[in-house]
């Protein structure tokens, strides 16, 4: 009898591959659920799920990274296309599991400092 591979197994393998590629290519680390910091702006908050260990000219970064959807929610936007139009640090293109569509979709990870800067800009 051959072993059974479930859809959950395939998803877990793909998530592990994405996390490994993100580390190899961008020095971006995926954090386990609840292992990150709570990121707050105004009255909105989200969990840190990714962190940057890249070098942007000033040593190791160490900033939290948020997805486009998280950035939109934090900034009070209802669109996912471009929550931060002019980031200081280029967003990291990555493939993430999108539970809304039930599959993996291209997304972007934005540095926390860019989300905060966009929030301050919107506040005037």
C-alpha atoms as a PDB file:
ATOM      1  CA  UNK A   1       0.000   0.000   0.000  1.00  0.00           C
ATOM      2  CA  UNK A   2       1.397   3.416  -0.949  1.00  0.00           C
ATOM      3  CA  UNK A   3       1.431   6.334   1.503  1.00  0.00           C
ATOM      4  CA  UNK A   4      -1.330   8.886   1.145  1.00  0.00           C
ATOM      5  CA  UNK A   5      -0.395  12.497   0.507  1.00  0.00           C
ATOM      6  CA  UNK A   6      -3.024  14.965   1.639  1.00  0.00           C
ATOM      7  CA  UNK A   7      -3.646  18.489   0.415  1.00  0.00           C
ATOM      8  CA  UNK A   8      -2.470  19.764   3.812  1.00  0.00           C
ATOM      9  CA  UNK A   9       0.842  17.925   3.308  1.00  0.00           C
ATOM     10  CA  UNK A  10       1.316  19.573  -0.085  1.00  0.00           C
ATOM     11  CA  UNK A  11       0.497  23.009   1.321  1.00  0.00           C
ATOM     12  CA  UNK A  12       2.957  22.546   4.205  1.00  0.00           C
ATOM     13  CA  UNK A  13       5.698  21.485   1.797  1.00  0.00           C
ATOM     14  CA  UNK A  14       5.046  24.506  -0.433  1.00  0.00           C
ATOM     15  CA  UNK A  15       5.051  26.883   2.561  1.00  0.00           C
ATOM     16  CA  UNK A  16       8.396  25.433   3.658  1.00  0.00           C
ATOM     17  CA  UNK A  17       9.799  25.870   0.131  1.00  0.00           C
ATOM     18  CA  UNK A  18       8.636  29.495   0.001  1.00  0.00           C
ATOM     19  CA  UNK A  19      10.175  30.241   3.404  1.00  0.00           C
ATOM     20  CA  UNK A  20      13.463  28.624   2.348  1.00  0.00           C
ATOM     21  CA  UNK A  21      13.552  30.587  -0.930  1.00  0.00           C
ATOM     22  CA  UNK A  22      12.757  33.845   0.884  1.00  0.00           C
ATOM     23  CA  UNK A  23      15.689  33.243   3.219  1.00  0.00           C
ATOM     24  CA  UNK A  24      18.107  32.221   0.448  1.00  0.00           C
ATOM     25  CA  UNK A  25      17.196  35.049  -1.926  1.00  0.00           C
ATOM     26  CA  UNK A  26      16.237  37.949   0.352  1.00  0.00           C
ATOM     27  CA  UNK A  27      17.325  37.080   3.914  1.00  0.00           C
ATOM     28  CA  UNK A  28      13.682  37.172   4.962  1.00  0.00           C
ATOM     29  CA  UNK A  29      12.659  34.829   7.779  1.00  0.00           C
ATOM     30  CA  UNK A  30       9.183  33.425   8.320  1.00  0.00           C
ATOM     31  CA  UNK A  31       8.095  33.387  11.956  1.00  0.00           C
ATOM     32  CA  UNK A  32       5.881  30.789  13.578  1.00  0.00           C
ATOM     33  CA  UNK A  33       2.337  31.780  14.497  1.00  0.00           C
ATOM     34  CA  UNK A  34       2.470  33.976  17.601  1.00  0.00           C
ATOM     35  CA  UNK A  35       6.279  34.158  17.634  1.00  0.00           C
ATOM     36  CA  UNK A  36       6.490  37.678  16.236  1.00  0.00           C
ATOM     37  CA  UNK A  37       5.811  41.093  17.689  1.00  0.00           C
ATOM     38  CA  UNK A  38       2.440  42.795  17.807  1.00  0.00           C
ATOM     39  CA  UNK A  39       2.591  45.676  15.322  1.00  0.00           C
ATOM     40  CA  UNK A  40       0.319  48.615  16.152  1.00  0.00           C
ATOM     41  CA  UNK A  41      -0.582  51.813  14.322  1.00  0.00           C
ATOM     42  CA  UNK A  42      -3.336  53.981  15.741  1.00  0.00           C
ATOM     43  CA  UNK A  43      -6.165  51.619  16.666  1.00  0.00           C
ATOM     44  CA  UNK A  44      -5.104  48.817  14.291  1.00  0.00           C
ATOM     45  CA  UNK A  45      -2.798  45.908  15.082  1.00  0.00           C
ATOM     46  CA  UNK A  46      -1.443  42.775  13.431  1.00  0.00           C
ATOM     47  CA  UNK A  47       1.073  40.001  14.171  1.00  0.00           C
ATOM     48  CA  UNK A  48       4.536  40.057  12.678  1.00  0.00           C
ATOM     49  CA  UNK A  49       4.830  36.962  10.470  1.00  0.00           C
ATOM     50  CA  UNK A  50       8.026  37.824   8.556  1.00  0.00           C
ATOM     51  CA  UNK A  51      11.208  39.606   9.572  1.00  0.00           C
ATOM     52  CA  UNK A  52      14.068  41.019   7.508  1.00  0.00           C
ATOM     53  CA  UNK A  53      17.672  40.039   8.163  1.00  0.00           C
ATOM     54  CA  UNK A  54      18.982  41.729   5.032  1.00  0.00           C
ATOM     55  CA  UNK A  55      21.547  44.498   4.843  1.00  0.00           C
ATOM     56  CA  UNK A  56      20.327  47.824   3.502  1.00  0.00           C
ATOM     57  CA  UNK A  57      23.522  49.771   4.111  1.00  0.00           C
ATOM     58  CA  UNK A  58      23.329  50.111   7.911  1.00  0.00           C
ATOM     59  CA  UNK A  59      23.961  46.566   9.101  1.00  0.00           C
ATOM     60  CA  UNK A  60      21.361  43.895   9.722  1.00  0.00           C
ATOM     61  CA  UNK A  61      17.836  45.208   9.238  1.00  0.00           C
ATOM     62  CA  UNK A  62      15.775  43.341  11.849  1.00  0.00           C
ATOM     63  CA  UNK A  63      12.543  45.086  10.825  1.00  0.00           C
ATOM     64  CA  UNK A  64       9.180  43.417  10.763  1.00  0.00           C
ATOM     65  CA  UNK A  65       7.716  42.840   7.307  1.00  0.00           C
ATOM     66  CA  UNK A  66       4.000  42.992   6.569  1.00  0.00           C
ATOM     67  CA  UNK A  67       2.047  41.689   3.602  1.00  0.00           C
ATOM     68  CA  UNK A  68       0.095  43.961   1.280  1.00  0.00           C
ATOM     69  CA  UNK A  69      -3.134  42.886   2.954  1.00  0.00           C
ATOM     70  CA  UNK A  70      -1.786  43.598   6.444  1.00  0.00           C
ATOM     71  CA  UNK A  71      -0.530  47.016   5.307  1.00  0.00           C
ATOM     72  CA  UNK A  72      -3.928  47.844   3.798  1.00  0.00           C
ATOM     73  CA  UNK A  73      -5.730  46.906   7.005  1.00  0.00           C
ATOM     74  CA  UNK A  74      -3.291  48.856   9.177  1.00  0.00           C
ATOM     75  CA  UNK A  75      -3.632  51.909   6.960  1.00  0.00           C
ATOM     76  CA  UNK A  76      -7.429  51.666   6.765  1.00  0.00           C
ATOM     77  CA  UNK A  77      -7.457  50.997   3.021  1.00  0.00           C
ATOM     78  CA  UNK A  78      -9.886  48.768   1.191  1.00  0.00           C
ATOM     79  CA  UNK A  79      -7.667  47.925  -1.753  1.00  0.00           C
ATOM     80  CA  UNK A  80      -4.760  45.514  -1.871  1.00  0.00           C
ATOM     81  CA  UNK A  81      -3.056  46.721  -5.032  1.00  0.00           C
ATOM     82  CA  UNK A  82      -0.690  49.420  -3.723  1.00  0.00           C
ATOM     83  CA  UNK A  83      -0.953  50.176  -0.016  1.00  0.00           C
ATOM     84  CA  UNK A  84       2.458  51.925   0.009  1.00  0.00           C
ATOM     85  CA  UNK A  85       3.093  53.680  -3.314  1.00  0.00           C
ATOM     86  CA  UNK A  86       6.629  54.983  -2.589  1.00  0.00           C
ATOM     87  CA  UNK A  87       8.459  52.736  -0.105  1.00  0.00           C
ATOM     88  CA  UNK A  88      11.978  53.711   0.938  1.00  0.00           C
ATOM     89  CA  UNK A  89      13.016  50.040   0.898  1.00  0.00           C
ATOM     90  CA  UNK A  90      11.843  48.037  -2.110  1.00  0.00           C
ATOM     91  CA  UNK A  91       9.095  45.556  -1.279  1.00  0.00           C
ATOM     92  CA  UNK A  92      10.012  41.886  -1.477  1.00  0.00           C
ATOM     93  CA  UNK A  93       7.979  39.967  -4.029  1.00  0.00           C
ATOM     94  CA  UNK A  94       6.934  36.601  -2.669  1.00  0.00           C
ATOM     95  CA  UNK A  95       4.308  33.917  -3.167  1.00  0.00           C
ATOM     96  CA  UNK A  96       1.971  33.516  -0.195  1.00  0.00           C
ATOM     97  CA  UNK A  97      -0.983  31.321   0.659  1.00  0.00           C
ATOM     98  CA  UNK A  98      -4.127  33.362   0.079  1.00  0.00           C
ATOM     99  CA  UNK A  99      -6.942  31.753   2.015  1.00  0.00           C
ATOM    100  CA  UNK A 100      -9.452  34.015   0.251  1.00  0.00           C
ATOM    101  CA  UNK A 101      -8.805  32.336  -3.090  1.00  0.00           C
ATOM    102  CA  UNK A 102      -7.686  29.011  -1.670  1.00  0.00           C
ATOM    103  CA  UNK A 103      -4.262  28.981  -3.289  1.00  0.00           C
ATOM    104  CA  UNK A 104      -0.862  30.606  -3.584  1.00  0.00           C
ATOM    105  CA  UNK A 105      -0.726  34.123  -5.015  1.00  0.00           C
ATOM    106  CA  UNK A 106       2.020  36.676  -5.627  1.00  0.00           C
ATOM    107  CA  UNK A 107       2.240  39.275  -2.881  1.00  0.00           C
ATOM    108  CA  UNK A 108       4.692  41.807  -1.504  1.00  0.00           C
ATOM    109  CA  UNK A 109       6.296  42.207   1.909  1.00  0.00           C
ATOM    110  CA  UNK A 110       6.753  45.810   3.059  1.00  0.00           C
ATOM    111  CA  UNK A 111       9.163  46.980   5.730  1.00  0.00           C
ATOM    112  CA  UNK A 112       7.482  48.224   8.905  1.00  0.00           C
ATOM    113  CA  UNK A 113       9.198  51.616   8.678  1.00  0.00           C
ATOM    114  CA  UNK A 114       7.529  52.216   5.296  1.00  0.00           C
ATOM    115  CA  UNK A 115       4.101  51.341   6.715  1.00  0.00           C
ATOM    116  CA  UNK A 116       4.657  53.766   9.611  1.00  0.00           C
ATOM    117  CA  UNK A 117       5.850  56.494   7.217  1.00  0.00           C
ATOM    118  CA  UNK A 118       2.754  56.041   5.027  1.00  0.00           C
ATOM    119  CA  UNK A 119       0.524  56.224   8.109  1.00  0.00           C
ATOM    120  CA  UNK A 120       2.187  59.459   9.264  1.00  0.00           C
ATOM    121  CA  UNK A 121       1.895  60.920   5.773  1.00  0.00           C
ATOM    122  CA  UNK A 122      -1.851  60.146   5.742  1.00  0.00           C
ATOM    123  CA  UNK A 123      -2.272  61.754   9.175  1.00  0.00           C
ATOM    124  CA  UNK A 124      -0.787  64.988   7.887  1.00  0.00           C
END
